[in-house]
């Protein structure tokens, strides 16, 4: 979706820029969660025996992942609130209005 927003940003620059920032935030949350999942795996693989340091690190990783997943979930709910057809229709309307604006000479309207 981020790349589509970049392509369509000119149709309504301020609104789509704001929306793209929220999509970027969602990507960041999901990316950070993935990185922490990989780190957790490595920590577990690296140590043959458990210890308090390892348990503390795993607990901190799990806590942060839970926070990121919660944020991602609620932000994703907002971003994907529309069904795909409605989102496509909205972007198509933005495109049509923008195309119409490109053919209008504001000075000639007076």
PDB file of N, CA and C in Angstrom:
ATOM      1  N   UNK A   1       0.823  -1.189   0.000  1.00  0.00           N
ATOM      2  CA  UNK A   1       0.000   0.000   0.000  1.00  0.00           C
ATOM      3  C   UNK A   1       0.869   1.254   0.000  1.00  0.00           C
ATOM      4  N   UNK A   2       2.009   1.170   0.651  1.00  0.00           N
ATOM      5  CA  UNK A   2       2.876   2.349   0.743  1.00  0.00           C
ATOM      6  C   UNK A   2       3.288   2.846  -0.639  1.00  0.00           C
ATOM      7  N   UNK A   3       3.607   1.924  -1.535  1.00  0.00           N
ATOM      8  CA  UNK A   3       4.043   2.313  -2.872  1.00  0.00           C
ATOM      9  C   UNK A   3       2.883   2.902  -3.677  1.00  0.00           C
ATOM     10  N   UNK A   4       1.689   2.385  -3.481  1.00  0.00           N
ATOM     11  CA  UNK A   4       0.526   2.958  -4.151  1.00  0.00           C
ATOM     12  C   UNK A   4       0.291   4.391  -3.680  1.00  0.00           C
ATOM     13  N   UNK A   5       0.445   4.599  -2.396  1.00  0.00           N
ATOM     14  CA  UNK A   5       0.266   5.950  -1.862  1.00  0.00           C
ATOM     15  C   UNK A   5       1.291   6.916  -2.439  1.00  0.00           C
ATOM     16  N   UNK A   6       2.500   6.436  -2.606  1.00  0.00           N
ATOM     17  CA  UNK A   6       3.545   7.283  -3.186  1.00  0.00           C
ATOM     18  C   UNK A   6       3.183   7.675  -4.617  1.00  0.00           C
ATOM     19  N   UNK A   7       2.658   6.722  -5.378  1.00  0.00           N
ATOM     20  CA  UNK A   7       2.266   7.001  -6.759  1.00  0.00           C
ATOM     21  C   UNK A   7       1.092   7.983  -6.841  1.00  0.00           C
ATOM     22  N   UNK A   8       0.191   7.900  -5.883  1.00  0.00           N
ATOM     23  CA  UNK A   8      -1.018   8.713  -5.926  1.00  0.00           C
ATOM     24  C   UNK A   8      -0.945   9.992  -5.098  1.00  0.00           C
ATOM     25  N   UNK A   9       0.176  10.230  -4.447  1.00  0.00           N
ATOM     26  CA  UNK A   9       0.267  11.363  -3.523  1.00  0.00           C
ATOM     27  C   UNK A   9      -0.116  12.683  -4.172  1.00  0.00           C
ATOM     28  N   UNK A  10       0.203  12.878  -5.424  1.00  0.00           N
ATOM     29  CA  UNK A  10      -0.114  14.132  -6.107  1.00  0.00           C
ATOM     30  C   UNK A  10      -1.599  14.405  -6.245  1.00  0.00           C
ATOM     31  N   UNK A  11      -2.434  13.368  -6.126  1.00  0.00           N
ATOM     32  CA  UNK A  11      -3.872  13.565  -6.282  1.00  0.00           C
ATOM     33  C   UNK A  11      -4.495  14.302  -5.101  1.00  0.00           C
ATOM     34  N   UNK A  12      -3.876  14.165  -3.930  1.00  0.00           N
ATOM     35  CA  UNK A  12      -4.325  14.903  -2.740  1.00  0.00           C
ATOM     36  C   UNK A  12      -3.163  14.906  -1.764  1.00  0.00           C
ATOM     37  N   UNK A  13      -2.169  15.770  -2.020  1.00  0.00           N
ATOM     38  CA  UNK A  13      -0.874  15.703  -1.332  1.00  0.00           C
ATOM     39  C   UNK A  13      -0.914  15.676   0.192  1.00  0.00           C
ATOM     40  N   UNK A  14      -1.621  16.592   0.818  1.00  0.00           N
ATOM     41  CA  UNK A  14      -1.582  16.649   2.286  1.00  0.00           C
ATOM     42  C   UNK A  14      -2.231  15.424   2.919  1.00  0.00           C
ATOM     43  N   UNK A  15      -3.381  15.037   2.432  1.00  0.00           N
ATOM     44  CA  UNK A  15      -4.093  13.899   3.023  1.00  0.00           C
ATOM     45  C   UNK A  15      -3.343  12.592   2.811  1.00  0.00           C
ATOM     46  N   UNK A  16      -2.866  12.366   1.609  1.00  0.00           N
ATOM     47  CA  UNK A  16      -2.185  11.096   1.336  1.00  0.00           C
ATOM     48  C   UNK A  16      -0.803  11.050   1.974  1.00  0.00           C
ATOM     49  N   UNK A  17      -0.174  12.197   2.153  1.00  0.00           N
ATOM     50  CA  UNK A  17       1.104  12.220   2.873  1.00  0.00           C
ATOM     51  C   UNK A  17       0.886  11.795   4.323  1.00  0.00           C
ATOM     52  N   UNK A  18      -0.162  12.310   4.933  1.00  0.00           N
ATOM     53  CA  UNK A  18      -0.497  11.959   6.317  1.00  0.00           C
ATOM     54  C   UNK A  18      -0.817  10.466   6.422  1.00  0.00           C
ATOM     55  N   UNK A  19      -1.596   9.966   5.483  1.00  0.00           N
ATOM     56  CA  UNK A  19      -1.956   8.545   5.469  1.00  0.00           C
ATOM     57  C   UNK A  19      -0.713   7.677   5.262  1.00  0.00           C
ATOM     58  N   UNK A  20       0.179   8.105   4.370  1.00  0.00           N
ATOM     59  CA  UNK A  20       1.419   7.362   4.115  1.00  0.00           C
ATOM     60  C   UNK A  20       2.298   7.302   5.356  1.00  0.00           C
ATOM     61  N   UNK A  21       2.304   8.372   6.144  1.00  0.00           N
ATOM     62  CA  UNK A  21       3.087   8.359   7.385  1.00  0.00           C
ATOM     63  C   UNK A  21       2.564   7.299   8.349  1.00  0.00           C
ATOM     64  N   UNK A  22       1.254   7.139   8.410  1.00  0.00           N
ATOM     65  CA  UNK A  22       0.665   6.115   9.271  1.00  0.00           C
ATOM     66  C   UNK A  22       1.006   4.714   8.760  1.00  0.00           C
ATOM     67  N   UNK A  23       0.990   4.535   7.459  1.00  0.00           N
ATOM     68  CA  UNK A  23       1.387   3.245   6.877  1.00  0.00           C
ATOM     69  C   UNK A  23       2.856   2.974   7.198  1.00  0.00           C
ATOM     70  N   UNK A  24       3.694   3.996   7.108  1.00  0.00           N
ATOM     71  CA  UNK A  24       5.112   3.837   7.458  1.00  0.00           C
ATOM     72  C   UNK A  24       5.281   3.433   8.921  1.00  0.00           C
ATOM     73  N   UNK A  25       4.466   4.032   9.787  1.00  0.00           N
ATOM     74  CA  UNK A  25       4.526   3.652  11.204  1.00  0.00           C
ATOM     75  C   UNK A  25       4.165   2.188  11.395  1.00  0.00           C
ATOM     76  N   UNK A  26       3.141   1.742  10.690  1.00  0.00           N
ATOM     77  CA  UNK A  26       2.746   0.338  10.777  1.00  0.00           C
ATOM     78  C   UNK A  26       3.886  -0.566  10.298  1.00  0.00           C
ATOM     79  N   UNK A  27       4.513  -0.204   9.205  1.00  0.00           N
ATOM     80  CA  UNK A  27       5.650  -0.974   8.686  1.00  0.00           C
ATOM     81  C   UNK A  27       6.769  -1.020   9.722  1.00  0.00           C
ATOM     82  N   UNK A  28       7.035   0.100  10.366  1.00  0.00           N
ATOM     83  CA  UNK A  28       8.071   0.144  11.409  1.00  0.00           C
ATOM     84  C   UNK A  28       7.739  -0.788  12.568  1.00  0.00           C
ATOM     85  N   UNK A  29       6.490  -0.760  13.022  1.00  0.00           N
ATOM     86  CA  UNK A  29       6.092  -1.644  14.119  1.00  0.00           C
ATOM     87  C   UNK A  29       6.303  -3.108  13.740  1.00  0.00           C
ATOM     88  N   UNK A  30       5.848  -3.462  12.554  1.00  0.00           N
ATOM     89  CA  UNK A  30       5.949  -4.860  12.123  1.00  0.00           C
ATOM     90  C   UNK A  30       7.402  -5.273  11.897  1.00  0.00           C
ATOM     91  N   UNK A  31       8.194  -4.365  11.357  1.00  0.00           N
ATOM     92  CA  UNK A  31       9.608  -4.646  11.133  1.00  0.00           C
ATOM     93  C   UNK A  31      10.357  -4.822  12.449  1.00  0.00           C
ATOM     94  N   UNK A  32      10.100  -3.933  13.399  1.00  0.00           N
ATOM     95  CA  UNK A  32      10.750  -4.043  14.715  1.00  0.00           C
ATOM     96  C   UNK A  32      10.340  -5.333  15.415  1.00  0.00           C
ATOM     97  N   UNK A  33       9.071  -5.700  15.305  1.00  0.00           N
ATOM     98  CA  UNK A  33       8.601  -6.946  15.903  1.00  0.00           C
ATOM     99  C   UNK A  33       9.331  -8.139  15.281  1.00  0.00           C
ATOM    100  N   UNK A  34       9.473  -8.128  13.981  1.00  0.00           N
ATOM    101  CA  UNK A  34      10.182  -9.211  13.296  1.00  0.00           C
ATOM    102  C   UNK A  34      11.635  -9.292  13.751  1.00  0.00           C
ATOM    103  N   UNK A  35      12.289  -8.142  13.835  1.00  0.00           N
ATOM    104  CA  UNK A  35      13.684  -8.111  14.285  1.00  0.00           C
ATOM    105  C   UNK A  35      13.819  -8.688  15.695  1.00  0.00           C
ATOM    106  N   UNK A  36      12.898  -8.333  16.556  1.00  0.00           N
ATOM    107  CA  UNK A  36      12.939  -8.856  17.926  1.00  0.00           C
ATOM    108  C   UNK A  36      12.658 -10.360  17.961  1.00  0.00           C
ATOM    109  N   UNK A  37      11.788 -10.827  17.085  1.00  0.00           N
ATOM    110  CA  UNK A  37      11.526 -12.274  17.018  1.00  0.00           C
ATOM    111  C   UNK A  37      12.797 -13.022  16.606  1.00  0.00           C
ATOM    112  N   UNK A  38      13.537 -12.447  15.657  1.00  0.00           N
ATOM    113  CA  UNK A  38      14.792 -13.074  15.225  1.00  0.00           C
ATOM    114  C   UNK A  38      15.832 -13.035  16.350  1.00  0.00           C
ATOM    115  N   UNK A  39      15.896 -11.911  17.068  1.00  0.00           N
ATOM    116  CA  UNK A  39      16.819 -11.788  18.196  1.00  0.00           C
ATOM    117  C   UNK A  39      16.479 -12.817  19.272  1.00  0.00           C
ATOM    118  N   UNK A  40      15.210 -12.986  19.552  1.00  0.00           N
ATOM    119  CA  UNK A  40      14.766 -13.956  20.559  1.00  0.00           C
ATOM    120  C   UNK A  40      15.233 -15.361  20.182  1.00  0.00           C
ATOM    121  N   UNK A  41      15.058 -15.691  18.912  1.00  0.00           N
ATOM    122  CA  UNK A  41      15.505 -17.002  18.424  1.00  0.00           C
ATOM    123  C   UNK A  41      16.999 -17.194  18.628  1.00  0.00           C
ATOM    124  N   UNK A  42      17.765 -16.177  18.284  1.00  0.00           N
ATOM    125  CA  UNK A  42      19.226 -16.245  18.423  1.00  0.00           C
ATOM    126  C   UNK A  42      19.645 -16.393  19.875  1.00  0.00           C
ATOM    127  N   UNK A  43      18.988 -15.659  20.760  1.00  0.00           N
ATOM    128  CA  UNK A  43      19.314 -15.745  22.188  1.00  0.00           C
ATOM    129  C   UNK A  43      19.053 -17.162  22.691  1.00  0.00           C
ATOM    130  N   UNK A  44      17.939 -17.728  22.284  1.00  0.00           N
ATOM    131  CA  UNK A  44      17.614 -19.086  22.721  1.00  0.00           C
ATOM    132  C   UNK A  44      18.578 -20.124  22.134  1.00  0.00           C
ATOM    133  N   UNK A  45      18.989 -19.923  20.894  1.00  0.00           N
ATOM    134  CA  UNK A  45      19.916 -20.859  20.247  1.00  0.00           C
ATOM    135  C   UNK A  45      21.328 -20.746  20.809  1.00  0.00           C
ATOM    136  N   UNK A  46      21.723 -19.548  21.182  1.00  0.00           N
ATOM    137  CA  UNK A  46      23.101 -19.287  21.601  1.00  0.00           C
ATOM    138  C   UNK A  46      23.433 -19.888  22.955  1.00  0.00           C
ATOM    139  N   UNK A  47      22.445 -20.062  23.776  1.00  0.00           N
ATOM    140  CA  UNK A  47      22.713 -20.544  25.119  1.00  0.00           C
ATOM    141  C   UNK A  47      22.119 -21.927  25.312  1.00  0.00           C
ATOM    142  N   UNK A  48      22.963 -22.842  25.754  1.00  0.00           N
ATOM    143  CA  UNK A  48      22.514 -24.209  25.990  1.00  0.00           C
ATOM    144  C   UNK A  48      21.689 -24.316  27.265  1.00  0.00           C
ATOM    145  N   UNK A  49      21.983 -23.484  28.211  1.00  0.00           N
ATOM    146  CA  UNK A  49      21.267 -23.546  29.483  1.00  0.00           C
ATOM    147  C   UNK A  49      20.631 -22.203  29.774  1.00  0.00           C
ATOM    148  N   UNK A  50      19.549 -22.239  30.480  1.00  0.00           N
ATOM    149  CA  UNK A  50      18.890 -20.976  30.806  1.00  0.00           C
ATOM    150  C   UNK A  50      19.511 -20.368  32.047  1.00  0.00           C
ATOM    151  N   UNK A  51      19.429 -19.081  32.119  1.00  0.00           N
ATOM    152  CA  UNK A  51      19.950 -18.339  33.267  1.00  0.00           C
ATOM    153  C   UNK A  51      19.120 -17.096  33.456  1.00  0.00           C
ATOM    154  N   UNK A  52      19.363 -16.409  34.528  1.00  0.00           N
ATOM    155  CA  UNK A  52      18.549 -15.225  34.806  1.00  0.00           C
ATOM    156  C   UNK A  52      18.772 -14.118  33.776  1.00  0.00           C
ATOM    157  N   UNK A  53      20.005 -13.990  33.278  1.00  0.00           N
ATOM    158  CA  UNK A  53      20.257 -12.964  32.257  1.00  0.00           C
ATOM    159  C   UNK A  53      19.480 -13.281  30.990  1.00  0.00           C
ATOM    160  N   UNK A  54      19.536 -14.526  30.568  1.00  0.00           N
ATOM    161  CA  UNK A  54      18.812 -14.935  29.369  1.00  0.00           C
ATOM    162  C   UNK A  54      17.301 -14.776  29.589  1.00  0.00           C
ATOM    163  N   UNK A  55      16.807 -15.198  30.743  1.00  0.00           N
ATOM    164  CA  UNK A  55      15.380 -15.083  31.043  1.00  0.00           C
ATOM    165  C   UNK A  55      14.935 -13.623  31.072  1.00  0.00           C
ATOM    166  N   UNK A  56      15.783 -12.765  31.631  1.00  0.00           N
ATOM    167  CA  UNK A  56      15.470 -11.334  31.681  1.00  0.00           C
ATOM    168  C   UNK A  56      15.411 -10.761  30.271  1.00  0.00           C
ATOM    169  N   UNK A  57      16.386 -11.110  29.452  1.00  0.00           N
ATOM    170  CA  UNK A  57      16.412 -10.616  28.079  1.00  0.00           C
ATOM    171  C   UNK A  57      15.195 -11.102  27.298  1.00  0.00           C
ATOM    172  N   UNK A  58      14.875 -12.368  27.437  1.00  0.00           N
ATOM    173  CA  UNK A  58      13.709 -12.921  26.740  1.00  0.00           C
ATOM    174  C   UNK A  58      12.432 -12.219  27.214  1.00  0.00           C
ATOM    175  N   UNK A  59      12.329 -11.976  28.503  1.00  0.00           N
ATOM    176  CA  UNK A  59      11.144 -11.291  29.045  1.00  0.00           C
ATOM    177  C   UNK A  59      11.023  -9.875  28.489  1.00  0.00           C
ATOM    178  N   UNK A  60      12.154  -9.164  28.391  1.00  0.00           N
ATOM    179  CA  UNK A  60      12.130  -7.808  27.836  1.00  0.00           C
ATOM    180  C   UNK A  60      11.753  -7.823  26.356  1.00  0.00           C
ATOM    181  N   UNK A  61      12.308  -8.783  25.634  1.00  0.00           N
ATOM    182  CA  UNK A  61      11.967  -8.912  24.217  1.00  0.00           C
ATOM    183  C   UNK A  61      10.477  -9.190  24.065  1.00  0.00           C
ATOM    184  N   UNK A  62       9.960 -10.130  24.847  1.00  0.00           N
ATOM    185  CA  UNK A  62       8.540 -10.486  24.764  1.00  0.00           C
ATOM    186  C   UNK A  62       7.635  -9.306  25.111  1.00  0.00           C
ATOM    187  N   UNK A  63       8.042  -8.535  26.116  1.00  0.00           N
ATOM    188  CA  UNK A  63       7.254  -7.359  26.511  1.00  0.00           C
ATOM    189  C   UNK A  63       7.202  -6.338  25.383  1.00  0.00           C
ATOM    190  N   UNK A  64       8.355  -6.048  24.804  1.00  0.00           N
ATOM    191  CA  UNK A  64       8.399  -5.063  23.713  1.00  0.00           C
ATOM    192  C   UNK A  64       7.630  -5.559  22.496  1.00  0.00           C
ATOM    193  N   UNK A  65       7.753  -6.855  22.185  1.00  0.00           N
ATOM    194  CA  UNK A  65       7.008  -7.395  21.047  1.00  0.00           C
ATOM    195  C   UNK A  65       5.505  -7.277  21.279  1.00  0.00           C
ATOM    196  N   UNK A  66       5.054  -7.529  22.498  1.00  0.00           N
ATOM    197  CA  UNK A  66       3.622  -7.404  22.798  1.00  0.00           C
ATOM    198  C   UNK A  66       3.150  -5.965  22.585  1.00  0.00           C
ATOM    199  N   UNK A  67       3.975  -4.995  23.001  1.00  0.00           N
ATOM    200  CA  UNK A  67       3.631  -3.582  22.793  1.00  0.00           C
ATOM    201  C   UNK A  67       3.547  -3.253  21.306  1.00  0.00           C
ATOM    202  N   UNK A  68       4.548  -3.691  20.551  1.00  0.00           N
ATOM    203  CA  UNK A  68       4.569  -3.424  19.113  1.00  0.00           C
ATOM    204  C   UNK A  68       3.391  -4.085  18.405  1.00  0.00           C
ATOM    205  N   UNK A  69       3.093  -5.310  18.776  1.00  0.00           N
ATOM    206  CA  UNK A  69       1.984  -6.021  18.141  1.00  0.00           C
ATOM    207  C   UNK A  69       0.651  -5.347  18.439  1.00  0.00           C
ATOM    208  N   UNK A  70       0.469  -4.861  19.663  1.00  0.00           N
ATOM    209  CA  UNK A  70      -0.768  -4.160  20.007  1.00  0.00           C
ATOM    210  C   UNK A  70      -0.897  -2.868  19.197  1.00  0.00           C
ATOM    211  N   UNK A  71       0.184  -2.117  19.127  1.00  0.00           N
ATOM    212  CA  UNK A  71       0.153  -0.871  18.345  1.00  0.00           C
ATOM    213  C   UNK A  71      -0.117  -1.162  16.870  1.00  0.00           C
ATOM    214  N   UNK A  72       0.553  -2.178  16.345  1.00  0.00           N
ATOM    215  CA  UNK A  72       0.368  -2.549  14.939  1.00  0.00           C
ATOM    216  C   UNK A  72      -1.073  -2.984  14.677  1.00  0.00           C
ATOM    217  N   UNK A  73      -1.628  -3.735  15.594  1.00  0.00           N
ATOM    218  CA  UNK A  73      -2.994  -4.221  15.412  1.00  0.00           C
ATOM    219  C   UNK A  73      -3.981  -3.057  15.290  1.00  0.00           C
ATOM    220  N   UNK A  74      -3.929  -2.133  16.250  1.00  0.00           N
ATOM    221  CA  UNK A  74      -4.899  -1.036  16.244  1.00  0.00           C
ATOM    222  C   UNK A  74      -4.662  -0.065  15.096  1.00  0.00           C
ATOM    223  N   UNK A  75      -3.420   0.193  14.777  1.00  0.00           N
ATOM    224  CA  UNK A  75      -3.135   1.061  13.633  1.00  0.00           C
ATOM    225  C   UNK A  75      -3.562   0.382  12.337  1.00  0.00           C
ATOM    226  N   UNK A  76      -3.297  -0.902  12.223  1.00  0.00           N
ATOM    227  CA  UNK A  76      -3.731  -1.657  11.045  1.00  0.00           C
ATOM    228  C   UNK A  76      -5.237  -1.668  10.895  1.00  0.00           C
ATOM    229  N   UNK A  77      -5.945  -1.745  12.014  1.00  0.00           N
ATOM    230  CA  UNK A  77      -7.413  -1.695  11.976  1.00  0.00           C
ATOM    231  C   UNK A  77      -7.883  -0.385  11.348  1.00  0.00           C
ATOM    232  N   UNK A  78      -7.209   0.714  11.693  1.00  0.00           N
ATOM    233  CA  UNK A  78      -7.588   2.008  11.115  1.00  0.00           C
ATOM    234  C   UNK A  78      -7.222   2.079   9.633  1.00  0.00           C
ATOM    235  N   UNK A  79      -6.001   1.677   9.332  1.00  0.00           N
ATOM    236  CA  UNK A  79      -5.521   1.778   7.951  1.00  0.00           C
ATOM    237  C   UNK A  79      -6.355   0.926   7.009  1.00  0.00           C
ATOM    238  N   UNK A  80      -6.707  -0.279   7.455  1.00  0.00           N
ATOM    239  CA  UNK A  80      -7.453  -1.203   6.608  1.00  0.00           C
ATOM    240  C   UNK A  80      -8.932  -1.256   6.972  1.00  0.00           C
ATOM    241  N   UNK A  81      -9.478  -0.150   7.504  1.00  0.00           N
ATOM    242  CA  UNK A  81     -10.882  -0.116   7.895  1.00  0.00           C
ATOM    243  C   UNK A  81     -11.801  -0.304   6.693  1.00  0.00           C
ATOM    244  N   UNK A  82     -11.408   0.254   5.560  1.00  0.00           N
ATOM    245  CA  UNK A  82     -12.211   0.105   4.348  1.00  0.00           C
ATOM    246  C   UNK A  82     -11.921  -1.240   3.708  1.00  0.00           C
ATOM    247  N   UNK A  83     -12.935  -1.802   3.092  1.00  0.00           N
ATOM    248  CA  UNK A  83     -12.653  -3.014   2.331  1.00  0.00           C
ATOM    249  C   UNK A  83     -11.892  -2.612   1.072  1.00  0.00           C
ATOM    250  N   UNK A  84     -11.204  -3.549   0.433  1.00  0.00           N
ATOM    251  CA  UNK A  84     -10.359  -3.191  -0.718  1.00  0.00           C
ATOM    252  C   UNK A  84     -11.106  -2.484  -1.843  1.00  0.00           C
ATOM    253  N   UNK A  85     -12.346  -2.878  -2.094  1.00  0.00           N
ATOM    254  CA  UNK A  85     -13.108  -2.242  -3.175  1.00  0.00           C
ATOM    255  C   UNK A  85     -13.412  -0.775  -2.850  1.00  0.00           C
ATOM    256  N   UNK A  86     -13.757  -0.504  -1.599  1.00  0.00           N
ATOM    257  CA  UNK A  86     -14.051   0.877  -1.196  1.00  0.00           C
ATOM    258  C   UNK A  86     -12.793   1.738  -1.271  1.00  0.00           C
ATOM    259  N   UNK A  87     -11.670   1.185  -0.849  1.00  0.00           N
ATOM    260  CA  UNK A  87     -10.404   1.923  -0.922  1.00  0.00           C
ATOM    261  C   UNK A  87     -10.047   2.209  -2.379  1.00  0.00           C
ATOM    262  N   UNK A  88     -10.211   1.216  -3.219  1.00  0.00           N
ATOM    263  CA  UNK A  88      -9.937   1.400  -4.645  1.00  0.00           C
ATOM    264  C   UNK A  88     -10.854   2.470  -5.235  1.00  0.00           C
ATOM    265  N   UNK A  89     -12.130   2.440  -4.882  1.00  0.00           N
ATOM    266  CA  UNK A  89     -13.068   3.456  -5.372  1.00  0.00           C
ATOM    267  C   UNK A  89     -12.664   4.852  -4.924  1.00  0.00           C
ATOM    268  N   UNK A  90     -12.251   4.972  -3.657  1.00  0.00           N
ATOM    269  CA  UNK A  90     -11.843   6.278  -3.132  1.00  0.00           C
ATOM    270  C   UNK A  90     -10.634   6.812  -3.882  1.00  0.00           C
ATOM    271  N   UNK A  91      -9.613   5.968  -4.067  1.00  0.00           N
ATOM    272  CA  UNK A  91      -8.421   6.404  -4.782  1.00  0.00           C
ATOM    273  C   UNK A  91      -8.741   6.722  -6.242  1.00  0.00           C
ATOM    274  N   UNK A  92      -9.640   5.954  -6.824  1.00  0.00           N
ATOM    275  CA  UNK A  92     -10.042   6.221  -8.209  1.00  0.00           C
ATOM    276  C   UNK A  92     -10.719   7.590  -8.309  1.00  0.00           C
ATOM    277  N   UNK A  93     -11.554   7.928  -7.331  1.00  0.00           N
ATOM    278  CA  UNK A  93     -12.209   9.247  -7.325  1.00  0.00           C
ATOM    279  C   UNK A  93     -11.187  10.363  -7.152  1.00  0.00           C
ATOM    280  N   UNK A  94     -10.211  10.170  -6.260  1.00  0.00           N
ATOM    281  CA  UNK A  94      -9.138  11.162  -6.117  1.00  0.00           C
ATOM    282  C   UNK A  94      -8.455  11.389  -7.463  1.00  0.00           C
ATOM    283  N   UNK A  95      -8.168  10.271  -8.144  1.00  0.00           N
ATOM    284  CA  UNK A  95      -7.483  10.333  -9.436  1.00  0.00           C
ATOM    285  C   UNK A  95      -8.329  11.101 -10.452  1.00  0.00           C
ATOM    286  N   UNK A  96      -9.617  10.798 -10.530  1.00  0.00           N
ATOM    287  CA  UNK A  96     -10.490  11.461 -11.493  1.00  0.00           C
ATOM    288  C   UNK A  96     -10.583  12.959 -11.220  1.00  0.00           C
ATOM    289  N   UNK A  97     -10.733  13.337  -9.964  1.00  0.00           N
ATOM    290  CA  UNK A  97     -10.814  14.760  -9.622  1.00  0.00           C
ATOM    291  C   UNK A  97      -9.498  15.453  -9.971  1.00  0.00           C
ATOM    292  N   UNK A  98      -8.389  14.814  -9.627  1.00  0.00           N
ATOM    293  CA  UNK A  98      -7.079  15.391  -9.926  1.00  0.00           C
ATOM    294  C   UNK A  98      -6.901  15.576 -11.422  1.00  0.00           C
ATOM    295  N   UNK A  99      -7.293  14.572 -12.208  1.00  0.00           N
ATOM    296  CA  UNK A  99      -7.169  14.668 -13.671  1.00  0.00           C
ATOM    297  C   UNK A  99      -8.030  15.807 -14.201  1.00  0.00           C
ATOM    298  N   UNK A 100      -9.218  15.966 -13.646  1.00  0.00           N
ATOM    299  CA  UNK A 100     -10.092  17.068 -14.074  1.00  0.00           C
ATOM    300  C   UNK A 100      -9.461  18.413 -13.760  1.00  0.00           C
ATOM    301  N   UNK A 101      -8.862  18.516 -12.576  1.00  0.00           N
ATOM    302  CA  UNK A 101      -8.214  19.768 -12.174  1.00  0.00           C
ATOM    303  C   UNK A 101      -7.068  20.127 -13.113  1.00  0.00           C
ATOM    304  N   UNK A 102      -6.377  19.127 -13.634  1.00  0.00           N
ATOM    305  CA  UNK A 102      -5.229  19.382 -14.490  1.00  0.00           C
ATOM    306  C   UNK A 102      -5.641  20.042 -15.812  1.00  0.00           C
ATOM    307  N   UNK A 103      -6.880  19.819 -16.223  1.00  0.00           N
ATOM    308  CA  UNK A 103      -7.348  20.385 -17.483  1.00  0.00           C
ATOM    309  C   UNK A 103      -8.023  21.729 -17.346  1.00  0.00           C
ATOM    310  N   UNK A 104      -8.135  22.238 -16.123  1.00  0.00           N
ATOM    311  CA  UNK A 104      -8.833  23.508 -15.883  1.00  0.00           C
ATOM    312  C   UNK A 104      -7.810  24.633 -15.730  1.00  0.00           C
ATOM    313  N   UNK A 105      -8.033  25.706 -16.447  1.00  0.00           N
ATOM    314  CA  UNK A 105      -7.207  26.896 -16.297  1.00  0.00           C
ATOM    315  C   UNK A 105      -7.952  27.835 -15.347  1.00  0.00           C
ATOM    316  N   UNK A 106      -7.431  28.015 -14.110  1.00  0.00           N
ATOM    317  CA  UNK A 106      -8.139  28.837 -13.126  1.00  0.00           C
ATOM    318  C   UNK A 106      -8.391  30.267 -13.591  1.00  0.00           C
ATOM    319  N   UNK A 107      -7.517  30.813 -14.409  1.00  0.00           N
ATOM    320  CA  UNK A 107      -7.687  32.187 -14.890  1.00  0.00           C
ATOM    321  C   UNK A 107      -8.827  32.271 -15.892  1.00  0.00           C
ATOM    322  N   UNK A 108      -9.068  31.208 -16.644  1.00  0.00           N
ATOM    323  CA  UNK A 108     -10.123  31.208 -17.650  1.00  0.00           C
ATOM    324  C   UNK A 108     -11.503  31.100 -17.001  1.00  0.00           C
ATOM    325  N   UNK A 109     -11.572  30.668 -15.772  1.00  0.00           N
ATOM    326  CA  UNK A 109     -12.844  30.487 -15.076  1.00  0.00           C
ATOM    327  C   UNK A 109     -13.485  31.826 -14.703  1.00  0.00           C
ATOM    328  N   UNK A 110     -12.725  32.883 -14.710  1.00  0.00           N
ATOM    329  CA  UNK A 110     -13.284  34.198 -14.331  1.00  0.00           C
ATOM    330  C   UNK A 110     -14.018  34.737 -15.466  1.00  0.00           C
TER     331      UNK A 110
END
